[in-house]
PDB file of N, CA and C in Angstrom:
ATOM      1  N   UNK A   1     -13.930   3.214  12.116  1.00  0.00           N
ATOM      2  CA  UNK A   1     -13.785   2.714  10.782  1.00  0.00           C
ATOM      3  C   UNK A   1     -13.634   0.569  10.925  1.00  0.00           C
ATOM      4  N   UNK A   2     -14.396   0.101   9.953  1.00  0.00           N
ATOM      5  CA  UNK A   2     -14.873  -1.474  10.090  1.00  0.00           C
ATOM      6  C   UNK A   2     -12.979  -1.812  10.804  1.00  0.00           C
ATOM      7  N   UNK A   3     -12.760  -2.659  11.585  1.00  0.00           N
ATOM      8  CA  UNK A   3     -11.861  -3.391  11.994  1.00  0.00           C
ATOM      9  C   UNK A   3     -11.268  -4.120  10.510  1.00  0.00           C
ATOM     10  N   UNK A   4     -11.825  -4.805  10.444  1.00  0.00           N
ATOM     11  CA  UNK A   4     -10.964  -5.881   9.029  1.00  0.00           C
ATOM     12  C   UNK A   4     -10.711  -4.904   7.882  1.00  0.00           C
ATOM     13  N   UNK A   5     -11.043  -3.669   7.973  1.00  0.00           N
ATOM     14  CA  UNK A   5     -10.572  -2.943   6.991  1.00  0.00           C
ATOM     15  C   UNK A   5      -9.216  -2.299   7.523  1.00  0.00           C
ATOM     16  N   UNK A   6      -9.588  -1.670   8.364  1.00  0.00           N
ATOM     17  CA  UNK A   6      -8.109  -0.896   9.555  1.00  0.00           C
ATOM     18  C   UNK A   6      -7.138  -2.575   9.197  1.00  0.00           C
ATOM     19  N   UNK A   7      -6.534  -3.403   9.404  1.00  0.00           N
ATOM     20  CA  UNK A   7      -5.945  -4.485  10.115  1.00  0.00           C
ATOM     21  C   UNK A   7      -5.848  -4.368   7.748  1.00  0.00           C
ATOM     22  N   UNK A   8      -6.904  -4.605   7.669  1.00  0.00           N
ATOM     23  CA  UNK A   8      -6.532  -4.618   5.536  1.00  0.00           C
ATOM     24  C   UNK A   8      -5.545  -3.421   5.401  1.00  0.00           C
ATOM     25  N   UNK A   9      -5.619  -2.200   6.269  1.00  0.00           N
ATOM     26  CA  UNK A   9      -4.894  -1.125   5.358  1.00  0.00           C
ATOM     27  C   UNK A   9      -3.407  -1.424   6.435  1.00  0.00           C
ATOM     28  N   UNK A  10      -3.148  -1.594   7.964  1.00  0.00           N
ATOM     29  CA  UNK A  10      -2.003  -1.602   7.918  1.00  0.00           C
ATOM     30  C   UNK A  10      -1.624  -3.415   7.104  1.00  0.00           C
ATOM     31  N   UNK A  11      -1.759  -3.412   7.085  1.00  0.00           N
ATOM     32  CA  UNK A  11      -0.816  -5.477   5.829  1.00  0.00           C
ATOM     33  C   UNK A  11      -0.168  -4.540   4.743  1.00  0.00           C
ATOM     34  N   UNK A  12      -1.184  -3.265   3.798  1.00  0.00           N
ATOM     35  CA  UNK A  12      -0.555  -2.727   2.995  1.00  0.00           C
ATOM     36  C   UNK A  12       0.263  -2.447   3.232  1.00  0.00           C
ATOM     37  N   UNK A  13       0.112  -1.713   4.413  1.00  0.00           N
ATOM     38  CA  UNK A  13       1.970  -0.921   4.982  1.00  0.00           C
ATOM     39  C   UNK A  13       3.113  -1.035   5.428  1.00  0.00           C
ATOM     40  N   UNK A  14       2.434  -2.163   6.024  1.00  0.00           N
ATOM     41  CA  UNK A  14       3.408  -2.976   6.386  1.00  0.00           C
ATOM     42  C   UNK A  14       3.936  -4.169   5.062  1.00  0.00           C
ATOM     43  N   UNK A  15       3.617  -4.218   4.417  1.00  0.00           N
ATOM     44  CA  UNK A  15       3.942  -4.836   2.719  1.00  0.00           C
ATOM     45  C   UNK A  15       5.239  -3.300   2.254  1.00  0.00           C
ATOM     46  N   UNK A  16       3.964  -2.102   2.119  1.00  0.00           N
ATOM     47  CA  UNK A  16       4.831  -1.482   1.904  1.00  0.00           C
ATOM     48  C   UNK A  16       5.980  -1.099   2.042  1.00  0.00           C
ATOM     49  N   UNK A  17       6.245  -1.433   3.398  1.00  0.00           N
ATOM     50  CA  UNK A  17       6.861  -0.865   3.840  1.00  0.00           C
ATOM     51  C   UNK A  17       8.680  -2.056   3.936  1.00  0.00           C
ATOM     52  N   UNK A  18       8.288  -2.348   3.942  1.00  0.00           N
ATOM     53  CA  UNK A  18       9.167  -3.965   3.417  1.00  0.00           C
ATOM     54  C   UNK A  18       9.437  -4.050   2.164  1.00  0.00           C
ATOM     55  N   UNK A  19       8.409  -3.374   1.071  1.00  0.00           N
ATOM     56  CA  UNK A  19       9.114  -3.098  -0.362  1.00  0.00           C
ATOM     57  C   UNK A  19      10.259  -1.617  -0.130  1.00  0.00           C
ATOM     58  N   UNK A  20       9.380  -0.802   0.942  1.00  0.00           N
ATOM     59  CA  UNK A  20      10.773  -0.135   0.204  1.00  0.00           C
ATOM     60  C   UNK A  20      11.572  -0.556   0.884  1.00  0.00           C
ATOM     61  N   UNK A  21      11.564  -0.919   1.436  1.00  0.00           N
ATOM     62  CA  UNK A  21      13.287  -1.266   2.478  1.00  0.00           C
ATOM     63  C   UNK A  21      14.227  -2.334   1.696  1.00  0.00           C
ATOM     64  N   UNK A  22      13.445  -3.213   0.546  1.00  0.00           N
ATOM     65  CA  UNK A  22      13.879  -4.177  -0.571  1.00  0.00           C
ATOM     66  C   UNK A  22      14.395  -3.713  -1.432  1.00  0.00           C
ATOM     67  N   UNK A  23      13.613  -2.550  -1.730  1.00  0.00           N
ATOM     68  CA  UNK A  23      14.338  -1.788  -3.164  1.00  0.00           C
ATOM     69  C   UNK A  23      15.279  -1.142  -2.484  1.00  0.00           C
ATOM     70  N   UNK A  24      15.438   0.147  -1.391  1.00  0.00           N
ATOM     71  CA  UNK A  24      16.453   0.427  -1.631  1.00  0.00           C
ATOM     72  C   UNK A  24      17.744   0.053  -1.340  1.00  0.00           C
ATOM     73  N   UNK A  25      17.608  -1.526  -0.768  1.00  0.00           N
ATOM     74  CA  UNK A  25      18.672  -2.167  -0.376  1.00  0.00           C
ATOM     75  C   UNK A  25      19.559  -3.096  -1.092  1.00  0.00           C
ATOM     76  N   UNK A  26      18.145  -3.965  -2.951  1.00  0.00           N
ATOM     77  CA  UNK A  26      18.914  -3.273  -3.987  1.00  0.00           C
ATOM     78  C   UNK A  26      18.878  -2.567  -4.481  1.00  0.00           C
ATOM     79  N   UNK A  27      18.838  -1.174  -4.125  1.00  0.00           N
ATOM     80  CA  UNK A  27      19.638  -0.785  -5.299  1.00  0.00           C
ATOM     81  C   UNK A  27      20.807  -0.190  -4.979  1.00  0.00           C
ATOM     82  N   UNK A  28      20.989  -0.360  -2.873  1.00  0.00           N
ATOM     83  CA  UNK A  28      22.772   0.265  -3.140  1.00  0.00           C
ATOM     84  C   UNK A  28      22.732  -1.200  -3.252  1.00  0.00           C
ATOM     85  N   UNK A  29      23.238  -1.723  -2.715  1.00  0.00           N
ATOM     86  CA  UNK A  29      23.830  -2.913  -2.371  1.00  0.00           C
ATOM     87  C   UNK A  29      23.825  -4.385  -3.944  1.00  0.00           C
ATOM     88  N   UNK A  30      22.971  -4.051  -4.363  1.00  0.00           N
ATOM     89  CA  UNK A  30      22.303  -4.881  -5.720  1.00  0.00           C
ATOM     90  C   UNK A  30      23.420  -4.899  -6.748  1.00  0.00           C
ATOM     91  N   UNK A  31      23.799  -4.406  -7.228  1.00  0.00           N
ATOM     92  CA  UNK A  31      24.883  -4.063  -8.088  1.00  0.00           C
ATOM     93  C   UNK A  31      26.220  -4.536  -8.098  1.00  0.00           C
ATOM     94  N   UNK A  32      26.379  -5.151  -6.477  1.00  0.00           N
ATOM     95  CA  UNK A  32      28.238  -6.155  -5.780  1.00  0.00           C
ATOM     96  C   UNK A  32      27.504  -7.600  -6.706  1.00  0.00           C
ATOM     97  N   UNK A  33      26.239  -7.473  -6.582  1.00  0.00           N
ATOM     98  CA  UNK A  33      26.237  -9.430  -6.695  1.00  0.00           C
ATOM     99  C   UNK A  33      25.673  -9.278  -7.395  1.00  0.00           C
ATOM    100  N   UNK A  34      24.911  -8.397  -8.319  1.00  0.00           N
ATOM    101  CA  UNK A  34      24.254  -9.022 -10.053  1.00  0.00           C
ATOM    102  C   UNK A  34      24.719  -7.518 -10.925  1.00  0.00           C
ATOM    103  N   UNK A  35      24.549  -7.676 -11.859  1.00  0.00           N
ATOM    104  CA  UNK A  35      24.166  -5.596 -13.516  1.00  0.00           C
ATOM    105  C   UNK A  35      24.224  -5.576 -12.539  1.00  0.00           C
ATOM    106  N   UNK A  36      24.180  -3.974 -12.610  1.00  0.00           N
ATOM    107  CA  UNK A  36      24.082  -3.230 -12.580  1.00  0.00           C
ATOM    108  C   UNK A  36      22.061  -2.625 -13.038  1.00  0.00           C
ATOM    109  N   UNK A  37      21.936  -2.600 -14.008  1.00  0.00           N
ATOM    110  CA  UNK A  37      20.785  -2.884 -15.108  1.00  0.00           C
ATOM    111  C   UNK A  37      20.105  -3.944 -14.592  1.00  0.00           C
ATOM    112  N   UNK A  38      20.152  -4.996 -13.568  1.00  0.00           N
ATOM    113  CA  UNK A  38      19.797  -6.276 -12.958  1.00  0.00           C
ATOM    114  C   UNK A  38      19.090  -5.992 -11.831  1.00  0.00           C
ATOM    115  N   UNK A  39      19.678  -5.359 -11.553  1.00  0.00           N
ATOM    116  CA  UNK A  39      19.707  -4.671  -9.622  1.00  0.00           C
ATOM    117  C   UNK A  39      19.633  -3.236  -9.804  1.00  0.00           C
ATOM    118  N   UNK A  40      19.220  -2.527 -10.648  1.00  0.00           N
ATOM    119  CA  UNK A  40      17.953  -0.991 -11.076  1.00  0.00           C
ATOM    120  C   UNK A  40      16.472  -1.210 -11.060  1.00  0.00           C
ATOM    121  N   UNK A  41      16.252  -3.070 -12.526  1.00  0.00           N
ATOM    122  CA  UNK A  41      15.513  -2.972 -13.011  1.00  0.00           C
ATOM    123  C   UNK A  41      14.452  -4.318 -11.589  1.00  0.00           C
ATOM    124  N   UNK A  42      15.151  -4.480 -10.912  1.00  0.00           N
ATOM    125  CA  UNK A  42      14.059  -5.852  -9.744  1.00  0.00           C
ATOM    126  C   UNK A  42      14.083  -4.533  -8.092  1.00  0.00           C
ATOM    127  N   UNK A  43      15.200  -3.519  -8.620  1.00  0.00           N
ATOM    128  CA  UNK A  43      15.164  -2.404  -6.351  1.00  0.00           C
ATOM    129  C   UNK A  43      13.398  -1.396  -7.873  1.00  0.00           C
ATOM    130  N   UNK A  44      14.065  -0.940  -8.563  1.00  0.00           N
ATOM    131  CA  UNK A  44      12.735  -0.017  -9.217  1.00  0.00           C
ATOM    132  C   UNK A  44      11.146  -1.307  -9.372  1.00  0.00           C
ATOM    133  N   UNK A  45      11.764  -1.908  -9.211  1.00  0.00           N
ATOM    134  CA  UNK A  45       9.968  -2.807  -9.387  1.00  0.00           C
ATOM    135  C   UNK A  45       9.736  -3.199  -7.380  1.00  0.00           C
ATOM    136  N   UNK A  46      10.312  -3.537  -7.323  1.00  0.00           N
ATOM    137  CA  UNK A  46      10.471  -3.144  -5.054  1.00  0.00           C
ATOM    138  C   UNK A  46       9.683  -2.090  -5.228  1.00  0.00           C
ATOM    139  N   UNK A  47      10.205  -0.606  -5.381  1.00  0.00           N
ATOM    140  CA  UNK A  47       9.629   0.726  -5.601  1.00  0.00           C
ATOM    141  C   UNK A  47       8.717   0.696  -5.900  1.00  0.00           C
ATOM    142  N   UNK A  48       8.178   0.389  -6.544  1.00  0.00           N
ATOM    143  CA  UNK A  48       6.748   0.248  -7.823  1.00  0.00           C
ATOM    144  C   UNK A  48       5.825   0.495  -6.843  1.00  0.00           C
ATOM    145  N   UNK A  49       6.034  -1.721  -6.414  1.00  0.00           N
ATOM    146  CA  UNK A  49       5.138  -1.981  -5.440  1.00  0.00           C
ATOM    147  C   UNK A  49       4.455  -1.447  -4.361  1.00  0.00           C
ATOM    148  N   UNK A  50       6.091  -0.969  -3.384  1.00  0.00           N
ATOM    149  CA  UNK A  50       6.093  -0.057  -2.180  1.00  0.00           C
ATOM    150  C   UNK A  50       4.997   1.167  -2.938  1.00  0.00           C
ATOM    151  N   UNK A  51       5.009   1.443  -3.817  1.00  0.00           N
ATOM    152  CA  UNK A  51       4.256   2.570  -3.836  1.00  0.00           C
ATOM    153  C   UNK A  51       2.693   2.517  -4.373  1.00  0.00           C
ATOM    154  N   UNK A  52       2.344   1.158  -4.700  1.00  0.00           N
ATOM    155  CA  UNK A  52       0.649   0.603  -4.678  1.00  0.00           C
ATOM    156  C   UNK A  52       0.846   0.909  -3.455  1.00  0.00           C
ATOM    157  N   UNK A  53       0.802  -0.022  -2.673  1.00  0.00           N
ATOM    158  CA  UNK A  53       1.088  -0.064  -1.150  1.00  0.00           C
ATOM    159  C   UNK A  53       0.721   0.664  -0.516  1.00  0.00           C
ATOM    160  N   UNK A  54       1.320   1.907  -0.930  1.00  0.00           N
ATOM    161  CA  UNK A  54       1.146   2.924   0.123  1.00  0.00           C
ATOM    162  C   UNK A  54      -0.292   3.734  -0.317  1.00  0.00           C
ATOM    163  N   UNK A  55      -0.482   3.819  -2.250  1.00  0.00           N
ATOM    164  CA  UNK A  55      -1.381   3.742  -2.359  1.00  0.00           C
ATOM    165  C   UNK A  55      -2.689   2.880  -2.037  1.00  0.00           C
ATOM    166  N   UNK A  56      -3.406   1.662  -1.894  1.00  0.00           N
ATOM    167  CA  UNK A  56      -3.860   1.127  -2.212  1.00  0.00           C
ATOM    168  C   UNK A  56      -4.738   2.055  -0.555  1.00  0.00           C
ATOM    169  N   UNK A  57      -4.092   1.813   0.893  1.00  0.00           N
ATOM    170  CA  UNK A  57      -5.487   1.976   1.863  1.00  0.00           C
ATOM    171  C   UNK A  57      -5.228   3.346   2.266  1.00  0.00           C
ATOM    172  N   UNK A  58      -5.105   4.565   1.261  1.00  0.00           N
ATOM    173  CA  UNK A  58      -5.548   5.468   0.980  1.00  0.00           C
ATOM    174  C   UNK A  58      -6.796   5.408   0.154  1.00  0.00           C
ATOM    175  N   UNK A  59      -6.633   5.408  -0.885  1.00  0.00           N
ATOM    176  CA  UNK A  59      -8.194   4.275  -2.189  1.00  0.00           C
ATOM    177  C   UNK A  59      -8.766   3.706  -1.113  1.00  0.00           C
ATOM    178  N   UNK A  60      -8.384   3.265  -0.231  1.00  0.00           N
ATOM    179  CA  UNK A  60      -9.377   1.822   0.906  1.00  0.00           C
ATOM    180  C   UNK A  60     -10.545   3.663   1.388  1.00  0.00           C
ATOM    181  N   UNK A  61      -9.399   4.021   1.892  1.00  0.00           N
ATOM    182  CA  UNK A  61     -10.248   4.668   3.135  1.00  0.00           C
ATOM    183  C   UNK A  61     -11.209   5.707   2.802  1.00  0.00           C
ATOM    184  N   UNK A  62     -10.975   6.178   1.661  1.00  0.00           N
ATOM    185  CA  UNK A  62     -10.749   7.393   0.429  1.00  0.00           C
ATOM    186  C   UNK A  62     -12.834   6.985  -0.192  1.00  0.00           C
ATOM    187  N   UNK A  63     -12.448   5.237  -0.364  1.00  0.00           N
ATOM    188  CA  UNK A  63     -13.890   4.487  -0.514  1.00  0.00           C
ATOM    189  C   UNK A  63     -15.285   4.282   0.509  1.00  0.00           C
ATOM    190  N   UNK A  64     -14.462   4.249   1.700  1.00  0.00           N
ATOM    191  CA  UNK A  64     -15.358   3.692   2.993  1.00  0.00           C
ATOM    192  C   UNK A  64     -15.427   5.441   3.398  1.00  0.00           C
ATOM    193  N   UNK A  65     -15.078   6.086   2.856  1.00  0.00           N
ATOM    194  CA  UNK A  65     -16.046   7.421   3.486  1.00  0.00           C
ATOM    195  C   UNK A  65     -16.739   7.370   2.916  1.00  0.00           C
ATOM    196  N   UNK A  66     -16.675   7.411   1.436  1.00  0.00           N
ATOM    197  CA  UNK A  66     -17.697   7.986   0.335  1.00  0.00           C
ATOM    198  C   UNK A  66     -18.226   7.490   1.041  1.00  0.00           C
ATOM    199  N   UNK A  67     -19.213   5.560   0.580  1.00  0.00           N
ATOM    200  CA  UNK A  67     -19.570   4.574   0.984  1.00  0.00           C
ATOM    201  C   UNK A  67     -20.109   5.299   1.755  1.00  0.00           C
ATOM    202  N   UNK A  68     -20.076   5.440   3.035  1.00  0.00           N
ATOM    203  CA  UNK A  68     -21.170   6.261   4.640  1.00  0.00           C
ATOM    204  C   UNK A  68     -21.175   7.668   4.084  1.00  0.00           C
ATOM    205  N   UNK A  69     -21.116   8.516   3.821  1.00  0.00           N
ATOM    206  CA  UNK A  69     -21.359   9.533   2.797  1.00  0.00           C
ATOM    207  C   UNK A  69     -22.451   9.574   2.415  1.00  0.00           C
ATOM    208  N   UNK A  70     -22.669   8.139   1.858  1.00  0.00           N
ATOM    209  CA  UNK A  70     -23.943   7.630   0.603  1.00  0.00           C
ATOM    210  C   UNK A  70     -25.143   7.408   0.898  1.00  0.00           C
ATOM    211  N   UNK A  71     -24.472   6.374   2.541  1.00  0.00           N
ATOM    212  CA  UNK A  71     -25.419   5.914   3.271  1.00  0.00           C
ATOM    213  C   UNK A  71     -26.003   6.389   3.912  1.00  0.00           C
ATOM    214  N   UNK A  72     -25.135   7.651   4.291  1.00  0.00           N
ATOM    215  CA  UNK A  72     -25.893   8.302   5.207  1.00  0.00           C
ATOM    216  C   UNK A  72     -26.611   9.738   4.392  1.00  0.00           C
ATOM    217  N   UNK A  73     -27.026  10.312   3.689  1.00  0.00           N
ATOM    218  CA  UNK A  73     -27.739  10.941   2.751  1.00  0.00           C
ATOM    219  C   UNK A  73     -28.773  10.158   2.500  1.00  0.00           C
ATOM    220  N   UNK A  74     -29.273   8.568   1.676  1.00  0.00           N
ATOM    221  CA  UNK A  74     -29.936   7.662   1.623  1.00  0.00           C
ATOM    222  C   UNK A  74     -30.766   8.023   2.935  1.00  0.00           C
ATOM    223  N   UNK A  75     -30.160   7.726   3.904  1.00  0.00           N
ATOM    224  CA  UNK A  75     -31.497   7.843   5.459  1.00  0.00           C
ATOM    225  C   UNK A  75     -30.857   6.161   5.981  1.00  0.00           C
ATOM    226  N   UNK A  76     -29.967   5.047   5.939  1.00  0.00           N
ATOM    227  CA  UNK A  76     -29.565   4.729   6.399  1.00  0.00           C
ATOM    228  C   UNK A  76     -28.490   4.717   7.654  1.00  0.00           C
ATOM    229  N   UNK A  77     -28.614   3.891   8.772  1.00  0.00           N
ATOM    230  CA  UNK A  77     -28.224   3.881   9.389  1.00  0.00           C
ATOM    231  C   UNK A  77     -26.265   3.580   9.336  1.00  0.00           C
ATOM    232  N   UNK A  78     -25.342   4.941  10.049  1.00  0.00           N
ATOM    233  CA  UNK A  78     -23.942   4.265   9.762  1.00  0.00           C
ATOM    234  C   UNK A  78     -23.190   2.894  10.147  1.00  0.00           C
ATOM    235  N   UNK A  79     -22.996   1.588   9.521  1.00  0.00           N
ATOM    236  CA  UNK A  79     -22.617   0.150   9.480  1.00  0.00           C
ATOM    237  C   UNK A  79     -20.754   0.677  10.004  1.00  0.00           C
ATOM    238  N   UNK A  80     -20.535   0.692  10.840  1.00  0.00           N
ATOM    239  CA  UNK A  80     -18.942   1.411  11.690  1.00  0.00           C
ATOM    240  C   UNK A  80     -18.852  -0.069  12.051  1.00  0.00           C
ATOM    241  N   UNK A  81     -19.127  -0.968  12.108  1.00  0.00           N
ATOM    242  CA  UNK A  81     -18.350  -1.868  12.416  1.00  0.00           C
ATOM    243  C   UNK A  81     -19.060  -3.231  11.266  1.00  0.00           C
TER     244      UNK A  81
END
């Protein structure tokens, strides 16, 4: 797999972990510092972005594999790098 794609996927996973941690923190401790409704909205916002950040790497890998299969079927050499 292309190194640039691997780095991009790792960046998404890292961002997803950060968003997950922040979302859980806001949901558990945020109501003390702000209203419950505000903490819930901000926490859900972070968790939503975490879900997207964990979804994108899978979608990118799936697309890359489909592209490689299409190139192989067309008789072109693999472009692994």
